[in-house]
Amino acid sequence: MGANKSVHVGRSKLHVGVDFTRRLCTSHMHRLSRALVSMVTGSLRLKHPGLNHYSDLLDMSWHKGLHDSDLLVTYRYHTRPPDIGPLSLIIKHSVSPEVGIYGIPMNNFRHSQSQGVRLSKLWIGFDYVAPSETDSSKGKATSVYFKRFHFSHDGGRSISTDRDGFQLTHSGGTSDNVIVVRQESRFEDENDNGFTDFSVQMELGTPIPPTLFTYYRLEVSSARGIKLGPALFCSRMSGGTIKGSFAPYQAFAIGGPSSVRGYGEGAIGVGQSCLVTTSELSIPLSKKLTGVIFLDCGSDLWSSHKVPNNPGERHGKPGIGFGIGGGIRYKTPLAQIQVDYAINAFQKGTAYFRISDLVL
């Protein structure tokens, strides 16, 4: 469920919101009211321009759920020479259950049960966006970060191994520290016939101290939308691979509402590489109501055994799966309602319910 309020203070803007996204198994629909409460999350966002210079911008956002939290602070420097793009200072901290990698599939892979492993991530660094010389549809960004990954139990106690005694970090301790250089290139195009999006992310990680591990990560995503009369057909594909000496938490987790619907988080597989595709047909039923038919597919590309300690195969994840289903999108003056129902490869269904952009 989503609730958002905006408060203006001078030129500042404060957003306060409440959101939830909930998976509802068909066998548990009678617990609907309890389920909605269990997934409520809150958010807080502050935008303040002109702190030191008129064009500078401070952007702070905070998200808090029952089992996770996420804090992001961005200070964007716009005062610069004409040939240099915007430079941003980024501070990000998040804590969440590591269900995607270490979760155990349950209920015919519709859910992933947590094993009590929580991952805390701290990012501190700079983003540089290269100015576009001729085409605003193209963009390139370079980032340099210090990253710290720290593991703990649900009770807050620091841990270095999971319940099976396997090492969580590459260093062997409770934390890994890495210097990361990342570059992203993107292309976007939209016209009356549809749209095209394409992006490539390359990341190089060097540990502190530098004797532990170095890895190289590549991620590619693309989307193509084609208008078929009043309908819109959209196809999305994303994939990636990681090379070098990496820790299990850096692997790709496949499955979940943002990956392959019909599965729990990471319930399909955990791999050194991955490929996820989505095909979706949106058909307007009225001015406010849209019907959707979709097919999601995902695979770890038979790379599960290349992940340290092999968490995917240890937890019985199949490595490949698909979800097929449909849904509706309903827009009102107060909120946008989204309902999806997906059936996975084991012929078990899961419903997803979301309310967002609620105006109070």
Protein backbone atom coordinates (compact mmCIF):
# COMPACT_ATOMS: atom_id res chain seq x y z
CA MET A 1 0.00 0.00 0.00
CA GLY A 2 1.32 3.44 -0.75
CA ALA A 3 0.75 6.76 0.95
CA ASN A 4 2.69 9.92 0.11
CA LYS A 5 2.61 13.47 1.41
CA SER A 6 4.70 16.42 0.26
CA VAL A 7 5.66 19.36 2.45
CA HIS A 8 7.44 22.42 1.02
CA VAL A 9 9.82 24.38 3.23
CA GLY A 10 11.24 27.29 1.24
CA ARG A 11 12.62 25.55 -1.82
CA SER A 12 12.90 22.20 0.03
CA LYS A 13 10.47 19.37 -0.59
CA LEU A 14 9.69 16.64 1.95
CA HIS A 15 7.98 13.41 0.90
CA VAL A 16 6.52 11.01 3.49
CA GLY A 17 5.10 7.71 2.31
CA VAL A 18 3.90 4.25 3.21
CA ASP A 19 4.09 1.36 0.72
CA PHE A 20 3.58 -2.35 0.56
CA THR A 21 3.94 -5.06 -2.03
CA ARG A 22 2.58 -8.41 -1.00
CA ARG A 23 2.70 -11.92 -2.42
CA LEU A 24 -0.41 -13.92 -1.61
CA CYS A 25 -0.39 -17.68 -2.13
CA THR A 26 -3.75 -19.09 -3.15
CA SER A 27 -3.74 -21.38 -0.14
CA HIS A 28 -3.35 -18.44 2.24
CA MET A 29 -5.84 -15.92 0.85
CA HIS A 30 -7.85 -16.10 4.06
CA ARG A 31 -4.95 -14.43 5.85
CA LEU A 32 -5.18 -11.33 3.66
CA SER A 33 -5.62 -8.72 6.40
CA ARG A 34 -2.75 -10.13 8.45
CA ALA A 35 -0.55 -10.38 5.34
CA LEU A 36 -1.05 -6.73 4.41
CA VAL A 37 0.01 -5.53 7.84
CA SER A 38 3.07 -7.79 7.86
CA MET A 39 4.54 -6.14 4.75
CA VAL A 40 3.94 -2.45 5.50
CA THR A 41 6.97 -0.25 4.90
CA GLY A 42 7.60 3.44 5.42
CA SER A 43 9.65 5.97 3.50
CA LEU A 44 10.93 9.50 4.01
CA ARG A 45 12.51 11.73 1.37
CA LEU A 46 13.89 15.26 1.55
CA LYS A 47 15.02 17.37 -1.40
CA HIS A 48 16.77 20.66 -0.69
CA PRO A 49 18.31 22.73 -3.52
CA GLY A 50 20.78 25.56 -3.10
CA LEU A 51 22.54 24.55 0.14
CA ASN A 52 25.90 26.02 -0.84
CA HIS A 53 25.20 27.03 -4.42
CA TYR A 54 21.87 27.77 -6.07
CA SER A 55 22.06 24.74 -8.39
CA ASP A 56 23.34 22.18 -5.86
CA LEU A 57 20.89 19.57 -4.62
CA LEU A 58 20.65 17.48 -1.45
CA ASP A 59 18.48 14.37 -1.85
CA MET A 60 17.85 12.09 1.14
CA SER A 61 15.58 9.05 1.14
CA TRP A 62 14.88 6.54 3.91
CA HIS A 63 12.94 3.31 3.67
CA LYS A 64 12.04 1.16 6.67
CA GLY A 65 10.30 -2.18 6.63
CA LEU A 66 9.73 -4.75 9.33
CA HIS A 67 12.84 -6.68 8.33
CA ASP A 68 14.88 -4.26 6.25
CA SER A 69 15.97 -0.64 5.97
CA ASP A 70 17.60 1.53 3.32
CA LEU A 71 19.15 4.99 3.67
CA LEU A 72 20.41 7.00 0.69
CA VAL A 73 22.02 10.46 0.82
CA THR A 74 23.02 12.20 -2.41
CA TYR A 75 24.65 15.61 -2.70
CA ARG A 76 24.88 16.72 -6.32
CA TYR A 77 27.35 19.43 -7.29
CA HIS A 78 26.08 21.37 -10.31
CA THR A 79 28.61 24.20 -10.13
CA ARG A 80 31.35 23.05 -12.50
CA PRO A 81 33.22 23.96 -15.72
CA PRO A 82 31.00 23.70 -18.84
CA ASP A 83 32.80 20.59 -20.18
CA ILE A 84 32.39 18.54 -16.97
CA GLY A 85 29.19 16.71 -16.03
CA PRO A 86 27.45 16.62 -12.64
CA LEU A 87 29.39 15.09 -9.74
CA SER A 88 27.50 13.49 -6.85
CA LEU A 89 28.56 12.35 -3.41
CA ILE A 90 26.70 9.14 -2.53
CA ILE A 91 26.25 7.59 0.91
CA LYS A 92 24.08 4.48 1.08
CA HIS A 93 23.40 2.02 3.86
CA SER A 94 21.04 -0.95 3.73
CA VAL A 95 20.22 -3.91 5.95
CA SER A 96 18.08 -6.81 4.73
CA PRO A 97 17.68 -10.59 5.08
CA GLU A 98 19.91 -12.39 2.56
CA VAL A 99 17.01 -14.50 1.29
CA GLY A 100 17.89 -14.45 -2.40
CA ILE A 101 21.19 -16.31 -1.91
CA TYR A 102 20.66 -18.25 1.32
CA GLY A 103 16.86 -18.66 1.36
CA ILE A 104 15.40 -22.16 1.13
CA PRO A 105 12.56 -22.64 -1.42
CA MET A 106 9.26 -23.59 0.21
CA ASN A 107 5.68 -24.36 -0.92
CA ASN A 108 6.58 -25.52 -4.43
CA PHE A 109 9.11 -22.70 -4.79
CA ARG A 110 6.51 -19.96 -4.22
CA HIS A 111 8.32 -18.72 -1.10
CA SER A 112 11.90 -18.55 0.15
CA GLN A 113 12.39 -19.21 3.84
CA SER A 114 15.04 -17.12 5.57
CA GLN A 115 17.86 -18.85 7.44
CA GLY A 116 18.44 -15.88 9.71
CA VAL A 117 21.31 -14.39 7.65
CA ARG A 118 21.25 -10.59 7.36
CA LEU A 119 23.51 -8.55 5.10
CA SER A 120 24.47 -4.95 5.85
CA LYS A 121 25.90 -2.93 2.95
CA LEU A 122 27.61 0.47 3.22
CA TRP A 123 28.52 2.47 0.11
CA ILE A 124 30.48 5.74 0.13
CA GLY A 125 31.71 7.29 -3.08
CA PHE A 126 31.22 9.53 -6.08
CA ASP A 127 29.15 9.37 -9.26
CA TYR A 128 30.22 11.29 -12.34
CA VAL A 129 27.77 11.69 -15.23
CA ALA A 130 29.46 12.54 -18.52
CA PRO A 131 27.73 15.37 -20.40
CA SER A 132 26.01 14.38 -23.63
CA GLU A 133 27.53 16.21 -26.59
CA THR A 134 24.94 15.56 -29.30
CA ASP A 135 22.22 13.15 -28.17
CA SER A 136 20.31 13.34 -24.89
CA SER A 137 19.11 9.75 -25.39
CA LYS A 138 22.63 8.50 -24.67
CA GLY A 139 24.36 8.65 -21.32
CA LYS A 140 27.48 7.47 -19.53
CA ALA A 141 28.27 7.44 -15.82
CA THR A 142 31.36 6.47 -13.84
CA SER A 143 31.32 5.64 -10.11
CA VAL A 144 34.03 5.04 -7.52
CA TYR A 145 32.89 3.53 -4.22
CA PHE A 146 34.12 2.11 -0.98
CA LYS A 147 31.86 -0.85 -0.12
CA ARG A 148 31.61 -2.71 3.14
CA PHE A 149 29.63 -5.96 3.40
CA HIS A 150 28.86 -7.19 6.91
CA PHE A 151 26.89 -10.26 8.01
CA SER A 152 24.87 -10.74 11.17
CA HIS A 153 22.19 -13.00 12.59
CA ASP A 154 18.60 -11.78 12.92
CA GLY A 155 19.35 -11.05 16.56
CA GLY A 156 22.15 -8.64 15.58
CA ARG A 157 25.14 -10.86 16.42
CA SER A 158 27.93 -10.75 13.81
CA ILE A 159 28.49 -14.07 12.03
CA SER A 160 30.98 -15.42 9.51
CA THR A 161 29.26 -18.72 8.56
CA ASP A 162 25.72 -19.82 7.71
CA ARG A 163 23.75 -22.50 9.56
CA ASP A 164 25.50 -25.23 7.59
CA GLY A 165 28.92 -23.91 8.62
CA PHE A 166 29.83 -22.49 5.22
CA GLN A 167 31.77 -19.24 4.96
CA LEU A 168 29.70 -16.13 4.15
CA THR A 169 32.49 -13.73 3.18
CA HIS A 170 35.56 -14.14 1.06
CA SER A 171 37.88 -12.87 3.78
CA GLY A 172 36.66 -15.49 6.24
CA GLY A 173 35.60 -12.88 8.80
CA THR A 174 32.29 -11.15 9.35
CA SER A 175 33.00 -8.39 6.79
CA ASP A 176 34.49 -7.69 3.37
CA ASN A 177 35.81 -4.26 2.31
CA VAL A 178 36.11 -3.44 -1.39
CA ILE A 179 37.02 -0.50 -3.62
CA VAL A 180 34.74 -0.57 -6.66
CA VAL A 181 35.01 1.24 -9.99
CA ARG A 182 31.84 1.02 -12.09
CA GLN A 183 30.91 2.38 -15.48
CA GLU A 184 27.44 2.42 -17.02
CA SER A 185 26.42 3.28 -20.57
CA ARG A 186 22.78 3.61 -21.62
CA PHE A 187 20.68 4.35 -24.67
CA GLU A 188 17.01 5.38 -24.66
CA ASP A 189 14.70 6.09 -27.55
CA GLU A 190 10.94 6.67 -27.64
CA ASN A 191 8.60 7.45 -30.52
CA ASP A 192 5.00 6.98 -31.58
CA ASN A 193 5.62 3.32 -32.43
CA GLY A 194 7.22 2.27 -29.13
CA PHE A 195 10.45 2.56 -27.18
CA THR A 196 13.93 1.07 -26.87
CA ASP A 197 16.13 0.95 -23.75
CA PHE A 198 19.60 -0.54 -23.50
CA SER A 199 22.23 -0.36 -20.75
CA VAL A 200 25.58 -1.95 -19.93
CA GLN A 201 27.21 -1.93 -16.48
CA MET A 202 30.81 -2.96 -15.87
CA GLU A 203 32.25 -3.21 -12.37
CA LEU A 204 35.74 -3.93 -11.09
CA GLY A 205 36.22 -4.69 -7.40
CA THR A 206 39.54 -4.60 -5.56
CA PRO A 207 39.66 -5.68 -1.91
CA ILE A 208 41.14 -4.02 1.13
CA PRO A 209 43.74 -5.41 1.76
CA PRO A 210 44.48 -6.19 -1.91
CA THR A 211 45.59 -9.78 -1.22
CA LEU A 212 42.08 -11.18 -0.81
CA PHE A 213 40.13 -11.12 -4.10
CA THR A 214 39.50 -9.16 -7.26
CA TYR A 215 36.40 -9.61 -9.38
CA TYR A 216 34.91 -8.28 -12.61
CA ARG A 217 31.14 -8.03 -13.04
CA LEU A 218 29.19 -7.38 -16.24
CA GLU A 219 25.44 -6.71 -16.46
CA VAL A 220 23.43 -6.02 -19.61
CA SER A 221 19.74 -5.12 -19.88
CA SER A 222 17.54 -4.23 -22.81
CA ALA A 223 13.85 -3.52 -23.41
CA ARG A 224 11.82 -3.10 -26.54
CA GLY A 225 8.23 -1.89 -26.66
CA ILE A 226 6.07 -2.03 -29.81
CA LYS A 227 2.61 -0.52 -30.13
CA LEU A 228 0.05 -2.85 -31.67
CA GLY A 229 -2.87 -0.54 -32.19
CA PRO A 230 -4.07 0.46 -28.71
CA ALA A 231 -2.05 -2.39 -27.12
CA LEU A 232 1.64 -2.39 -26.18
CA PHE A 233 3.91 -5.43 -26.43
CA CYS A 234 7.06 -5.18 -24.33
CA SER A 235 10.00 -7.58 -24.21
CA ARG A 236 12.75 -7.24 -21.61
CA MET A 237 15.98 -9.15 -21.19
CA SER A 238 18.68 -8.87 -18.56
CA GLY A 239 21.74 -10.94 -17.89
CA GLY A 240 25.17 -10.86 -16.39
CA THR A 241 28.24 -12.71 -15.33
CA ILE A 242 30.94 -12.29 -12.70
CA LYS A 243 34.54 -13.38 -13.10
CA GLY A 244 37.47 -13.68 -10.75
CA SER A 245 37.43 -14.48 -7.09
CA PHE A 246 34.06 -13.44 -5.67
CA ALA A 247 31.99 -14.10 -2.55
CA PRO A 248 28.63 -15.98 -2.59
CA TYR A 249 26.61 -12.82 -1.86
CA GLN A 250 27.88 -11.29 -5.13
CA ALA A 251 26.30 -14.04 -7.25
CA PHE A 252 23.06 -13.61 -9.21
CA ALA A 253 19.82 -14.68 -7.51
CA ILE A 254 17.00 -15.63 -9.91
CA GLY A 255 13.33 -15.60 -8.92
CA GLY A 256 10.93 -13.17 -7.26
CA PRO A 257 8.44 -10.42 -8.19
CA SER A 258 11.16 -8.26 -9.76
CA SER A 259 12.71 -11.21 -11.62
CA VAL A 260 10.53 -14.25 -12.39
CA ARG A 261 7.05 -14.00 -10.94
CA GLY A 262 5.57 -17.14 -9.41
CA TYR A 263 8.73 -17.88 -7.39
CA GLY A 264 10.17 -16.74 -4.11
CA GLU A 265 13.27 -14.56 -3.91
CA GLY A 266 16.14 -16.55 -5.44
CA ALA A 267 14.03 -19.73 -5.51
CA ILE A 268 14.99 -20.57 -9.11
CA GLY A 269 18.74 -20.46 -8.66
CA VAL A 270 21.96 -18.75 -7.63
CA GLY A 271 24.57 -18.53 -10.35
CA GLN A 272 27.82 -17.03 -11.49
CA SER A 273 25.84 -16.00 -14.57
CA CYS A 274 22.15 -15.42 -15.25
CA LEU A 275 19.60 -14.65 -17.94
CA VAL A 276 16.08 -13.32 -17.25
CA THR A 277 13.47 -12.46 -19.87
CA THR A 278 9.97 -10.97 -19.64
CA SER A 279 7.36 -10.70 -22.38
CA GLU A 280 4.29 -8.63 -21.56
CA LEU A 281 1.23 -7.55 -23.51
CA SER A 282 -0.75 -4.60 -22.12
CA ILE A 283 -4.29 -4.08 -23.42
CA PRO A 284 -6.32 -0.99 -22.42
CA LEU A 285 -9.78 -2.03 -21.24
CA SER A 286 -10.94 1.49 -20.40
CA LYS A 287 -9.41 4.88 -19.65
CA LYS A 288 -8.40 3.74 -16.17
CA LEU A 289 -8.15 -0.07 -16.49
CA THR A 290 -5.44 -2.03 -18.33
CA GLY A 291 -5.18 -5.80 -18.66
CA VAL A 292 -1.79 -7.52 -18.78
CA ILE A 293 -0.61 -10.95 -19.96
CA PHE A 294 2.99 -11.94 -19.21
CA LEU A 295 5.59 -14.68 -19.41
CA ASP A 296 8.75 -14.56 -17.25
CA CYS A 297 11.71 -16.92 -17.70
CA GLY A 298 14.99 -17.18 -15.82
CA SER A 299 18.09 -19.38 -15.71
CA ASP A 300 21.43 -19.51 -13.93
CA LEU A 301 22.95 -20.78 -17.21
CA TRP A 302 24.23 -23.91 -15.47
CA SER A 303 26.70 -21.85 -13.44
CA SER A 304 25.41 -22.66 -9.93
CA HIS A 305 28.37 -24.94 -9.15
CA LYS A 306 30.78 -22.06 -9.84
CA VAL A 307 29.44 -20.04 -6.89
CA PRO A 308 31.56 -20.55 -3.74
CA ASN A 309 29.95 -23.11 -1.39
CA ASN A 310 27.26 -23.76 -4.03
CA PRO A 311 24.25 -22.37 -2.09
CA GLY A 312 21.89 -22.94 -5.03
CA GLU A 313 22.36 -26.68 -5.32
CA ARG A 314 22.68 -27.12 -1.54
CA HIS A 315 19.20 -25.67 -1.13
CA GLY A 316 17.66 -27.65 -3.97
CA LYS A 317 17.09 -24.82 -6.45
CA PRO A 318 16.33 -26.06 -9.99
CA GLY A 319 18.42 -23.47 -11.85
CA ILE A 320 15.75 -22.73 -14.47
CA GLY A 321 12.10 -21.74 -14.26
CA PHE A 322 9.24 -19.76 -15.77
CA GLY A 323 6.11 -18.00 -14.62
CA ILE A 324 3.06 -17.27 -16.75
CA GLY A 325 0.06 -15.20 -15.80
CA GLY A 326 -1.92 -12.02 -16.06
CA GLY A 327 -3.00 -8.99 -14.13
CA ILE A 328 -4.67 -5.61 -14.10
CA ARG A 329 -3.51 -2.01 -13.65
CA TYR A 330 -6.16 0.37 -12.35
CA LYS A 331 -5.56 4.10 -12.03
CA THR A 332 -7.68 6.32 -9.82
CA PRO A 333 -7.24 9.96 -8.77
CA LEU A 334 -6.01 8.68 -5.38
CA ALA A 335 -3.84 5.67 -6.19
CA GLN A 336 -2.63 3.10 -8.69
CA ILE A 337 -3.63 -0.50 -8.01
CA GLN A 338 -1.72 -3.44 -9.48
CA VAL A 339 -2.72 -7.10 -9.20
CA ASP A 340 -0.79 -9.96 -10.86
CA TYR A 341 -1.35 -13.71 -10.72
CA ALA A 342 1.49 -16.02 -11.84
CA ILE A 343 1.71 -19.80 -12.18
CA ASN A 344 5.19 -21.30 -11.97
CA ALA A 345 6.63 -24.42 -13.60
CA PHE A 346 5.25 -26.54 -10.74
CA GLN A 347 1.71 -25.37 -11.58
CA LYS A 348 1.39 -23.45 -8.33
CA GLY A 349 -0.05 -19.96 -8.33
CA THR A 350 0.91 -16.81 -6.49
CA ALA A 351 -0.90 -13.45 -6.44
CA TYR A 352 0.91 -10.12 -6.13
CA PHE A 353 -0.93 -7.06 -4.89
CA ARG A 354 0.36 -3.51 -4.84
CA ILE A 355 -1.07 -0.06 -4.15
CA SER A 356 1.18 2.91 -4.91
CA ASP A 357 1.08 6.68 -5.33
CA LEU A 358 -1.74 7.02 -2.80
CA VAL A 359 -2.64 10.66 -2.23
CA LEU A 360 -4.07 11.48 1.20
